[in-house]
N, C-alpha and C. Protein backbone atom coordinates (compact mmCIF):
# COMPACT_ATOMS: atom_id res chain seq x y z
N MET A 1 182.09 95.29 94.83
CA MET A 1 181.58 94.09 93.76
C MET A 1 182.20 92.87 93.67
N HIS A 2 183.46 93.00 93.13
CA HIS A 2 184.64 92.07 92.79
C HIS A 2 184.95 91.08 94.67
N SER A 3 184.79 91.97 95.35
CA SER A 3 184.65 90.66 96.92
C SER A 3 183.40 89.68 96.96
N ASN A 4 182.17 90.92 96.67
CA ASN A 4 181.04 90.59 96.99
C ASN A 4 180.12 90.44 96.20
N PRO A 5 180.42 89.51 95.12
CA PRO A 5 179.42 89.73 94.29
C PRO A 5 177.44 89.40 93.99
N VAL A 6 176.72 90.11 94.02
CA VAL A 6 175.30 89.80 93.90
C VAL A 6 174.93 90.42 92.55
N ASP A 7 173.59 88.84 92.47
CA ASP A 7 172.79 88.98 91.39
C ASP A 7 171.43 89.98 91.93
N ARG A 8 171.67 91.32 91.05
CA ARG A 8 171.16 92.36 90.57
C ARG A 8 169.76 92.21 90.20
N THR A 9 169.49 91.18 89.50
CA THR A 9 168.16 90.85 88.42
C THR A 9 166.79 91.21 89.44
N LYS A 10 166.60 90.76 90.21
CA LYS A 10 165.55 90.81 91.35
C LYS A 10 164.97 92.27 91.25
N ALA A 11 166.14 92.75 91.78
CA ALA A 11 166.39 94.29 92.39
C ALA A 11 166.26 95.38 90.30
N ALA A 12 166.38 95.41 89.67
CA ALA A 12 165.97 95.35 87.97
C ALA A 12 165.02 95.01 88.43
N SER A 13 164.25 94.08 88.34
CA SER A 13 162.97 93.40 87.78
C SER A 13 162.22 94.05 88.48
N ALA A 14 162.67 94.20 89.68
CA ALA A 14 161.33 95.17 91.24
C ALA A 14 161.01 96.55 89.74
N ALA A 15 161.70 97.32 90.29
CA ALA A 15 162.12 98.70 89.49
C ALA A 15 161.19 98.89 87.90
N VAL A 16 161.59 97.82 87.29
CA VAL A 16 160.51 97.25 85.78
C VAL A 16 159.30 97.19 86.23
N GLU A 17 158.96 95.98 87.27
CA GLU A 17 158.01 96.04 87.68
C GLU A 17 156.90 97.39 87.61
N ALA A 18 157.72 97.94 88.56
CA ALA A 18 156.95 99.41 89.57
C ALA A 18 155.93 100.32 88.37
N VAL A 19 157.21 100.57 87.19
CA VAL A 19 156.42 101.35 86.10
C VAL A 19 155.24 100.63 85.31
N GLY A 20 155.18 99.59 85.84
CA GLY A 20 153.77 98.64 85.62
C GLY A 20 154.68 97.93 84.20
N GLY A 21 156.16 96.96 83.68
CA GLY A 21 156.60 96.63 83.43
C GLY A 21 157.45 94.90 83.38
N LYS A 22 158.16 94.52 82.61
CA LYS A 22 158.50 93.04 82.22
C LYS A 22 160.41 92.59 82.48
N LEU A 23 160.34 92.18 83.45
CA LEU A 23 162.17 92.43 82.53
C LEU A 23 161.88 91.12 82.13
N HIS A 24 162.46 90.65 81.36
CA HIS A 24 162.99 89.70 79.96
C HIS A 24 164.04 88.73 79.79
N SER A 25 164.95 89.79 80.56
CA SER A 25 166.22 89.41 80.67
C SER A 25 167.09 89.87 80.73
N ALA A 26 168.85 89.99 81.50
CA ALA A 26 169.55 90.52 81.92
C ALA A 26 171.11 89.94 81.48
N PHE A 27 172.01 90.38 80.60
CA PHE A 27 172.98 90.03 80.03
C PHE A 27 173.83 91.02 81.18
N LEU A 28 175.34 90.52 81.89
CA LEU A 28 176.24 90.88 81.42
C LEU A 28 177.53 90.96 79.90
N THR A 29 177.83 92.14 79.99
CA THR A 29 178.57 91.83 78.32
C THR A 29 179.68 92.64 78.40
N PHE A 30 180.53 92.70 77.49
CA PHE A 30 181.34 93.30 77.30
C PHE A 30 181.65 94.13 76.54
N GLY A 31 182.39 95.06 76.98
CA GLY A 31 182.25 96.19 75.24
C GLY A 31 182.23 97.04 75.62
N GLU A 32 181.12 98.21 74.84
CA GLU A 32 180.64 99.17 75.48
C GLU A 32 180.54 99.66 76.96
N SER A 33 178.88 98.30 77.17
CA SER A 33 178.02 98.59 77.86
C SER A 33 178.69 97.26 79.08
N ASP A 34 178.07 97.24 80.66
CA ASP A 34 178.97 96.23 81.20
C ASP A 34 177.24 95.29 81.27
N ILE A 35 176.50 95.81 81.38
CA ILE A 35 174.75 95.38 81.70
C ILE A 35 174.12 95.29 80.62
N ILE A 36 173.33 94.69 79.79
CA ILE A 36 171.62 95.27 79.11
C ILE A 36 170.68 94.02 79.89
N VAL A 37 169.33 94.53 79.67
CA VAL A 37 168.97 94.66 80.33
C VAL A 37 167.58 94.93 79.17
N ILE A 38 166.96 93.48 78.75
CA ILE A 38 165.66 93.48 77.84
C ILE A 38 164.42 93.42 78.69
N TYR A 39 163.50 94.61 78.29
CA TYR A 39 162.16 94.87 79.58
C TYR A 39 161.53 95.26 78.13
N GLU A 40 160.17 95.07 78.89
CA GLU A 40 158.99 95.50 78.43
C GLU A 40 158.27 96.42 78.94
N ALA A 41 158.03 98.01 78.44
CA ALA A 41 156.93 98.75 79.44
C ALA A 41 155.72 99.06 78.65
N PRO A 42 155.06 99.38 79.60
CA PRO A 42 153.73 99.57 78.69
C PRO A 42 153.55 101.16 77.69
N ASP A 43 154.94 101.91 78.53
CA ASP A 43 154.68 103.46 76.76
C ASP A 43 156.28 104.14 77.45
N ALA A 44 156.22 105.19 76.62
CA ALA A 44 157.28 105.29 77.07
C ALA A 44 157.47 106.28 77.93
N ILE A 45 156.78 107.36 78.03
CA ILE A 45 156.54 107.66 79.33
C ILE A 45 157.54 106.34 80.72
N ALA A 46 156.74 105.30 80.86
CA ALA A 46 156.88 104.61 81.82
C ALA A 46 158.77 104.16 81.78
N SER A 47 158.79 104.24 80.52
CA SER A 47 160.35 103.78 80.05
C SER A 47 161.37 105.11 80.82
N ALA A 48 160.77 105.86 80.20
CA ALA A 48 161.46 107.04 80.65
C ALA A 48 161.53 107.45 82.46
N ALA A 49 160.61 107.29 83.22
CA ALA A 49 160.37 107.13 84.24
C ALA A 49 161.42 106.50 84.93
N LEU A 50 161.85 105.38 84.82
CA LEU A 50 162.86 104.40 84.72
C LEU A 50 163.67 104.43 84.64
N ALA A 51 164.31 105.65 84.33
CA ALA A 51 165.29 105.94 83.44
C ALA A 51 165.90 106.61 84.70
N MET A 52 164.92 107.53 84.47
CA MET A 52 165.16 108.70 85.50
C MET A 52 164.96 107.98 87.07
N THR A 53 164.25 107.47 87.11
CA THR A 53 164.49 106.72 88.88
C THR A 53 166.44 105.85 88.84
N LEU A 54 166.39 104.88 88.36
CA LEU A 54 168.12 104.44 88.30
C LEU A 54 168.97 106.24 88.11
N GLY A 55 168.93 106.59 87.07
CA GLY A 55 170.22 107.43 86.74
C GLY A 55 169.84 108.51 88.24
N ALA A 56 169.04 108.74 88.68
CA ALA A 56 169.17 109.58 89.92
C ALA A 56 169.75 108.81 90.83
N SER A 57 169.55 107.65 91.47
CA SER A 57 169.99 106.95 92.59
C SER A 57 171.31 106.78 92.23
N GLY A 58 172.15 107.21 91.53
CA GLY A 58 173.98 107.69 91.45
C GLY A 58 174.49 106.09 91.26
N ALA A 59 174.11 104.57 91.57
CA ALA A 59 174.65 103.23 90.30
C ALA A 59 174.58 103.32 89.53
N PHE A 60 175.03 104.01 88.02
CA PHE A 60 174.73 103.89 86.77
C PHE A 60 176.10 105.03 86.73
N SER A 61 177.21 104.59 86.09
CA SER A 61 177.66 105.68 84.65
C SER A 61 177.34 106.43 84.19
N SER A 62 176.22 105.74 83.68
CA SER A 62 175.64 106.40 81.72
C SER A 62 174.34 104.57 81.49
N ILE A 63 173.55 105.46 81.10
CA ILE A 63 172.04 104.59 81.02
C ILE A 63 171.65 104.32 79.45
N LYS A 64 171.68 104.22 78.99
CA LYS A 64 170.97 104.23 77.95
C LYS A 64 169.65 103.94 77.60
N THR A 65 168.10 103.84 76.60
CA THR A 65 167.18 102.92 76.31
C THR A 65 167.47 103.00 74.82
N THR A 66 166.94 101.91 75.01
CA THR A 66 166.93 101.53 73.03
C THR A 66 165.27 101.03 72.61
N ALA A 67 165.14 102.07 71.62
CA ALA A 67 163.12 100.96 71.55
C ALA A 67 163.63 100.21 71.04
N LEU A 68 163.17 98.99 71.21
CA LEU A 68 162.99 98.05 69.76
C LEU A 68 161.33 98.10 69.35
N LEU A 69 161.39 97.36 67.94
CA LEU A 69 159.83 97.35 67.09
C LEU A 69 160.35 96.08 66.82
N THR A 70 159.10 95.69 66.63
CA THR A 70 158.90 93.73 66.71
C THR A 70 159.54 93.97 64.36
N THR A 71 159.56 92.55 64.18
CA THR A 71 159.71 92.76 62.90
C THR A 71 157.84 93.72 61.97
N GLU A 72 156.68 93.30 62.50
CA GLU A 72 155.31 93.14 62.59
C GLU A 72 155.14 94.77 62.46
N GLU A 73 156.20 95.27 64.05
CA GLU A 73 155.85 96.66 64.24
C GLU A 73 156.44 98.14 63.42
N GLY A 74 157.32 97.26 62.66
CA GLY A 74 157.96 97.38 62.29
C GLY A 74 157.95 97.75 60.34
N VAL A 75 157.42 96.80 59.88
CA VAL A 75 156.27 96.58 59.13
C VAL A 75 154.96 97.68 58.55
N LYS A 76 154.59 97.77 59.69
CA LYS A 76 153.33 99.35 60.01
C LYS A 76 154.55 100.56 59.87
N ALA A 77 155.29 100.67 60.60
CA ALA A 77 156.24 101.53 60.25
C ALA A 77 156.77 102.37 59.56
N LEU A 78 157.02 101.57 58.85
CA LEU A 78 157.07 101.74 57.10
C LEU A 78 156.36 102.13 56.44
N LYS A 79 155.07 101.86 56.49
CA LYS A 79 153.97 102.00 55.40
C LYS A 79 152.92 103.35 56.27
N ARG A 80 153.10 103.41 56.82
CA ARG A 80 153.12 104.59 57.82
C ARG A 80 154.08 105.80 57.07
N SER A 81 155.45 105.56 57.51
CA SER A 81 156.23 106.64 56.45
C SER A 81 155.86 106.78 55.35
N ALA A 82 155.40 105.99 54.63
CA ALA A 82 155.05 105.99 52.81
C ALA A 82 153.55 106.38 52.34
N GLU A 83 152.81 106.23 53.42
CA GLU A 83 151.10 107.72 53.76
C GLU A 83 151.43 108.72 54.13
N THR A 84 152.50 108.95 54.71
CA THR A 84 152.65 110.17 55.69
C THR A 84 153.62 111.19 54.41
N LYS A 85 154.43 110.11 53.61
CA LYS A 85 155.20 110.89 52.62
C LYS A 85 154.83 112.48 52.53
N ALA A 86 153.84 112.32 51.63
CA ALA A 86 153.60 113.46 51.35
C ALA A 86 153.15 114.79 52.15
N ALA A 87 153.04 114.36 53.05
CA ALA A 87 153.00 115.50 54.16
C ALA A 87 154.03 116.37 54.57
N TYR A 88 155.10 115.41 54.55
CA TYR A 88 156.56 116.37 54.65
C TYR A 88 156.40 116.93 53.58
N LYS A 89 157.25 118.47 53.29
CA LYS A 89 157.93 119.14 52.92
C LYS A 89 159.26 119.25 53.24
N PRO A 90 160.67 118.83 52.99
CA PRO A 90 161.46 119.45 52.75
C PRO A 90 161.99 120.62 52.50
N PRO A 91 162.99 120.93 53.44
CA PRO A 91 163.59 122.73 53.28
C PRO A 91 164.17 122.71 51.84
N THR A 92 164.16 123.50 50.87
CA THR A 92 164.20 123.99 50.05
C THR A 92 165.81 124.27 49.68
N ARG A 93 166.92 123.76 48.69
CA ARG A 93 168.07 124.53 48.66
C ARG A 93 168.87 125.80 48.04
């Protein structure tokens, strides 16, 4: 990798597109992760399939997927949480 650096963005984009998604951006990073890729997928199954494919390839030592919500989606989730609060009964101590 050091002696022959290659931009793998096209390969990553092809993999994301294969599950019906779109790669928005890829960043090399300092810290816990070496690369962060922001992509959009049609659903959680597509994201899981992508993670499984990349993990099985042996090209990565670890893969972490984090779902993102827009603020609009977050507000909808908070409203739904408030609506469903009455249905959940926590265990008693």
